[in-house]
Amino acid sequence: MTSLYILVPISLIMGGLALYFFFWAIKKKQFDDSEGIKYRILDDDDEK
């Protein structure tokens, strides 16, 4: 029972950090081009 007094606040802090970094990534536009990345491999960048 005493371990719950330690584990519950730690899990809440870790969940809050994960939520903070998720919204930070949205704000920095990390998830904007989810379709274009799969076509990037088809681009021919080896023009010499």
PDB file of N, CA and C in Angstrom:
ATOM      1  N   MET A   1       0.817  -1.199   0.000  1.00  0.00           N
ATOM      2  CA  MET A   1       0.000   0.000   0.000  1.00  0.00           C
ATOM      3  C   MET A   1       0.858   1.259   0.000  1.00  0.00           C
ATOM      4  N   THR A   2       1.975   1.218   0.702  1.00  0.00           N
ATOM      5  CA  THR A   2       2.817   2.412   0.739  1.00  0.00           C
ATOM      6  C   THR A   2       3.489   2.664  -0.608  1.00  0.00           C
ATOM      7  N   SER A   3       3.643   1.612  -1.406  1.00  0.00           N
ATOM      8  CA  SER A   3       4.249   1.812  -2.725  1.00  0.00           C
ATOM      9  C   SER A   3       3.325   2.608  -3.641  1.00  0.00           C
ATOM     10  N   LEU A   4       2.009   2.543  -3.383  1.00  0.00           N
ATOM     11  CA  LEU A   4       1.078   3.324  -4.191  1.00  0.00           C
ATOM     12  C   LEU A   4       1.262   4.822  -3.977  1.00  0.00           C
ATOM     13  N   TYR A   5       1.693   5.214  -2.798  1.00  0.00           N
ATOM     14  CA  TYR A   5       1.933   6.625  -2.518  1.00  0.00           C
ATOM     15  C   TYR A   5       3.111   7.156  -3.333  1.00  0.00           C
ATOM     16  N   ILE A   6       3.956   6.276  -3.769  1.00  0.00           N
ATOM     17  CA  ILE A   6       5.100   6.668  -4.598  1.00  0.00           C
ATOM     18  C   ILE A   6       4.774   6.492  -6.076  1.00  0.00           C
ATOM     19  N   LEU A   7       4.154   5.385  -6.432  1.00  0.00           N
ATOM     20  CA  LEU A   7       3.934   5.062  -7.841  1.00  0.00           C
ATOM     21  C   LEU A   7       2.855   5.909  -8.506  1.00  0.00           C
ATOM     22  N   VAL A   8       1.815   6.261  -7.800  1.00  0.00           N
ATOM     23  CA  VAL A   8       0.742   7.063  -8.392  1.00  0.00           C
ATOM     24  C   VAL A   8       1.237   8.462  -8.764  1.00  0.00           C
ATOM     25  N   PRO A   9       1.916   9.199  -7.886  1.00  0.00           N
ATOM     26  CA  PRO A   9       2.435  10.510  -8.316  1.00  0.00           C
ATOM     27  C   PRO A   9       3.466  10.413  -9.440  1.00  0.00           C
ATOM     28  N   ILE A  10       4.297   9.383  -9.416  1.00  0.00           N
ATOM     29  CA  ILE A  10       5.281   9.217 -10.487  1.00  0.00           C
ATOM     30  C   ILE A  10       4.576   8.976 -11.819  1.00  0.00           C
ATOM     31  N   SER A  11       3.547   8.138 -11.819  1.00  0.00           N
ATOM     32  CA  SER A  11       2.822   7.866 -13.068  1.00  0.00           C
ATOM     33  C   SER A  11       2.076   9.105 -13.555  1.00  0.00           C
ATOM     34  N   LEU A  12       1.537   9.901 -12.645  1.00  0.00           N
ATOM     35  CA  LEU A  12       0.861  11.133 -13.047  1.00  0.00           C
ATOM     36  C   LEU A  12       1.847  12.134 -13.640  1.00  0.00           C
ATOM     37  N   ILE A  13       3.021  12.234 -13.057  1.00  0.00           N
ATOM     38  CA  ILE A  13       4.045  13.134 -13.585  1.00  0.00           C
ATOM     39  C   ILE A  13       4.502  12.666 -14.960  1.00  0.00           C
ATOM     40  N   MET A  14       4.730  11.372 -15.120  1.00  0.00           N
ATOM     41  CA  MET A  14       5.162  10.854 -16.415  1.00  0.00           C
ATOM     42  C   MET A  14       4.072  11.023 -17.475  1.00  0.00           C
ATOM     43  N   GLY A  15       2.824  10.829 -17.115  1.00  0.00           N
ATOM     44  CA  GLY A  15       1.722  11.051 -18.037  1.00  0.00           C
ATOM     45  C   GLY A  15       1.593  12.512 -18.431  1.00  0.00           C
ATOM     46  N   GLY A  16       1.797  13.392 -17.468  1.00  0.00           N
ATOM     47  CA  GLY A  16       1.767  14.827 -17.756  1.00  0.00           C
ATOM     48  C   GLY A  16       2.901  15.246 -18.681  1.00  0.00           C
ATOM     49  N   LEU A  17       4.082  14.678 -18.466  1.00  0.00           N
ATOM     50  CA  LEU A  17       5.211  14.971 -19.354  1.00  0.00           C
ATOM     51  C   LEU A  17       4.956  14.463 -20.766  1.00  0.00           C
ATOM     52  N   ALA A  18       4.389  13.279 -20.878  1.00  0.00           N
ATOM     53  CA  ALA A  18       4.081  12.735 -22.202  1.00  0.00           C
ATOM     54  C   ALA A  18       3.063  13.620 -22.914  1.00  0.00           C
ATOM     55  N   LEU A  19       2.051  14.072 -22.213  1.00  0.00           N
ATOM     56  CA  LEU A  19       1.054  14.959 -22.796  1.00  0.00           C
ATOM     57  C   LEU A  19       1.668  16.295 -23.201  1.00  0.00           C
ATOM     58  N   TYR A  20       2.557  16.823 -22.365  1.00  0.00           N
ATOM     59  CA  TYR A  20       3.243  18.083 -22.683  1.00  0.00           C
ATOM     60  C   TYR A  20       4.073  17.943 -23.954  1.00  0.00           C
ATOM     61  N   PHE A  21       4.850  16.863 -24.065  1.00  0.00           N
ATOM     62  CA  PHE A  21       5.685  16.693 -25.242  1.00  0.00           C
ATOM     63  C   PHE A  21       4.862  16.380 -26.484  1.00  0.00           C
ATOM     64  N   PHE A  22       3.699  15.751 -26.338  1.00  0.00           N
ATOM     65  CA  PHE A  22       2.813  15.521 -27.464  1.00  0.00           C
ATOM     66  C   PHE A  22       2.303  16.848 -28.017  1.00  0.00           C
ATOM     67  N   PHE A  23       1.829  17.728 -27.149  1.00  0.00           N
ATOM     68  CA  PHE A  23       1.349  19.024 -27.617  1.00  0.00           C
ATOM     69  C   PHE A  23       2.487  19.892 -28.128  1.00  0.00           C
ATOM     70  N   TRP A  24       3.676  19.746 -27.556  1.00  0.00           N
ATOM     71  CA  TRP A  24       4.853  20.459 -28.059  1.00  0.00           C
ATOM     72  C   TRP A  24       5.161  20.021 -29.486  1.00  0.00           C
ATOM     73  N   ALA A  25       5.093  18.727 -29.777  1.00  0.00           N
ATOM     74  CA  ALA A  25       5.360  18.217 -31.118  1.00  0.00           C
ATOM     75  C   ALA A  25       4.298  18.708 -32.099  1.00  0.00           C
ATOM     76  N   ILE A  26       3.056  18.805 -31.671  1.00  0.00           N
ATOM     77  CA  ILE A  26       2.010  19.344 -32.545  1.00  0.00           C
ATOM     78  C   ILE A  26       2.287  20.816 -32.837  1.00  0.00           C
ATOM     79  N   LYS A  27       2.698  21.557 -31.825  1.00  0.00           N
ATOM     80  CA  LYS A  27       2.971  22.981 -31.994  1.00  0.00           C
ATOM     81  C   LYS A  27       4.162  23.213 -32.926  1.00  0.00           C
ATOM     82  N   LYS A  28       5.147  22.335 -32.881  1.00  0.00           N
ATOM     83  CA  LYS A  28       6.333  22.453 -33.741  1.00  0.00           C
ATOM     84  C   LYS A  28       6.113  21.826 -35.114  1.00  0.00           C
ATOM     85  N   LYS A  29       4.881  21.402 -35.396  1.00  0.00           N
ATOM     86  CA  LYS A  29       4.466  20.853 -36.693  1.00  0.00           C
ATOM     87  C   LYS A  29       5.238  19.596 -37.070  1.00  0.00           C
ATOM     88  N   GLN A  30       5.398  18.682 -36.131  1.00  0.00           N
ATOM     89  CA  GLN A  30       6.081  17.421 -36.387  1.00  0.00           C
ATOM     90  C   GLN A  30       5.201  16.425 -37.127  1.00  0.00           C
ATOM     91  N   PHE A  31       3.891  16.615 -37.091  1.00  0.00           N
ATOM     92  CA  PHE A  31       2.964  15.651 -37.662  1.00  0.00           C
ATOM     93  C   PHE A  31       2.253  16.188 -38.903  1.00  0.00           C
ATOM     94  N   ASP A  32       2.796  17.212 -39.554  1.00  0.00           N
ATOM     95  CA  ASP A  32       2.106  17.828 -40.679  1.00  0.00           C
ATOM     96  C   ASP A  32       2.102  16.979 -41.940  1.00  0.00           C
ATOM     97  N   ASP A  33       3.222  16.372 -42.296  1.00  0.00           N
ATOM     98  CA  ASP A  33       3.337  15.682 -43.578  1.00  0.00           C
ATOM     99  C   ASP A  33       3.376  14.174 -43.372  1.00  0.00           C
ATOM    100  N   SER A  34       2.245  13.606 -43.011  1.00  0.00           N
ATOM    101  CA  SER A  34       2.222  12.164 -42.762  1.00  0.00           C
ATOM    102  C   SER A  34       2.078  11.364 -44.053  1.00  0.00           C
ATOM    103  N   GLU A  35       1.592  11.973 -45.131  1.00  0.00           N
ATOM    104  CA  GLU A  35       1.420  11.264 -46.398  1.00  0.00           C
ATOM    105  C   GLU A  35       2.653  11.383 -47.285  1.00  0.00           C
ATOM    106  N   GLY A  36       3.333  12.499 -47.244  1.00  0.00           N
ATOM    107  CA  GLY A  36       4.441  12.740 -48.159  1.00  0.00           C
ATOM    108  C   GLY A  36       5.686  11.934 -47.859  1.00  0.00           C
ATOM    109  N   ILE A  37       5.841  11.472 -46.645  1.00  0.00           N
ATOM    110  CA  ILE A  37       7.061  10.760 -46.279  1.00  0.00           C
ATOM    111  C   ILE A  37       7.168   9.412 -46.987  1.00  0.00           C
ATOM    112  N   LYS A  38       6.051   8.784 -47.300  1.00  0.00           N
ATOM    113  CA  LYS A  38       6.117   7.489 -47.969  1.00  0.00           C
ATOM    114  C   LYS A  38       6.467   7.630 -49.443  1.00  0.00           C
ATOM    115  N   TYR A  39       6.281   8.821 -50.013  1.00  0.00           N
ATOM    116  CA  TYR A  39       6.640   9.046 -51.405  1.00  0.00           C
ATOM    117  C   TYR A  39       8.058   9.598 -51.564  1.00  0.00           C
ATOM    118  N   ARG A  40       8.665   9.987 -50.476  1.00  0.00           N
ATOM    119  CA  ARG A  40      10.007  10.562 -50.531  1.00  0.00           C
ATOM    120  C   ARG A  40      11.045   9.556 -50.998  1.00  0.00           C
ATOM    121  N   ILE A  41      10.814   8.269 -50.740  1.00  0.00           N
ATOM    122  CA  ILE A  41      11.752   7.244 -51.161  1.00  0.00           C
ATOM    123  C   ILE A  41      11.772   7.113 -52.687  1.00  0.00           C
ATOM    124  N   LEU A  42      10.696   7.529 -53.357  1.00  0.00           N
ATOM    125  CA  LEU A  42      10.600   7.424 -54.810  1.00  0.00           C
ATOM    126  C   LEU A  42      11.290   8.576 -55.534  1.00  0.00           C
ATOM    127  N   ASP A  43      11.611   9.645 -54.824  1.00  0.00           N
ATOM    128  CA  ASP A  43      12.276  10.796 -55.445  1.00  0.00           C
ATOM    129  C   ASP A  43      13.688  10.407 -55.850  1.00  0.00           C
ATOM    130  N   ASP A  44      14.088  10.841 -57.042  1.00  0.00           N
ATOM    131  CA  ASP A  44      15.428  10.536 -57.540  1.00  0.00           C
ATOM    132  C   ASP A  44      16.365  11.679 -57.184  1.00  0.00           C
ATOM    133  N   ASP A  45      17.142  11.488 -56.130  1.00  0.00           N
ATOM    134  CA  ASP A  45      18.080  12.522 -55.680  1.00  0.00           C
ATOM    135  C   ASP A  45      19.497  12.255 -56.176  1.00  0.00           C
ATOM    136  N   ASP A  46      19.698  11.233 -57.003  1.00  0.00           N
ATOM    137  CA  ASP A  46      21.049  10.855 -57.432  1.00  0.00           C
ATOM    138  C   ASP A  46      21.436  11.468 -58.773  1.00  0.00           C
ATOM    139  N   GLU A  47      20.860  12.597 -59.109  1.00  0.00           N
ATOM    140  CA  GLU A  47      21.214  13.241 -60.375  1.00  0.00           C
ATOM    141  C   GLU A  47      22.619  13.822 -60.275  1.00  0.00           C
ATOM    142  N   LYS A  48      23.493  13.415 -61.208  1.00  0.00           N
ATOM    143  CA  LYS A  48      24.887  13.879 -61.168  1.00  0.00           C
ATOM    144  C   LYS A  48      25.219  14.712 -62.370  1.00  0.00           C
TER     145      LYS A  48
END
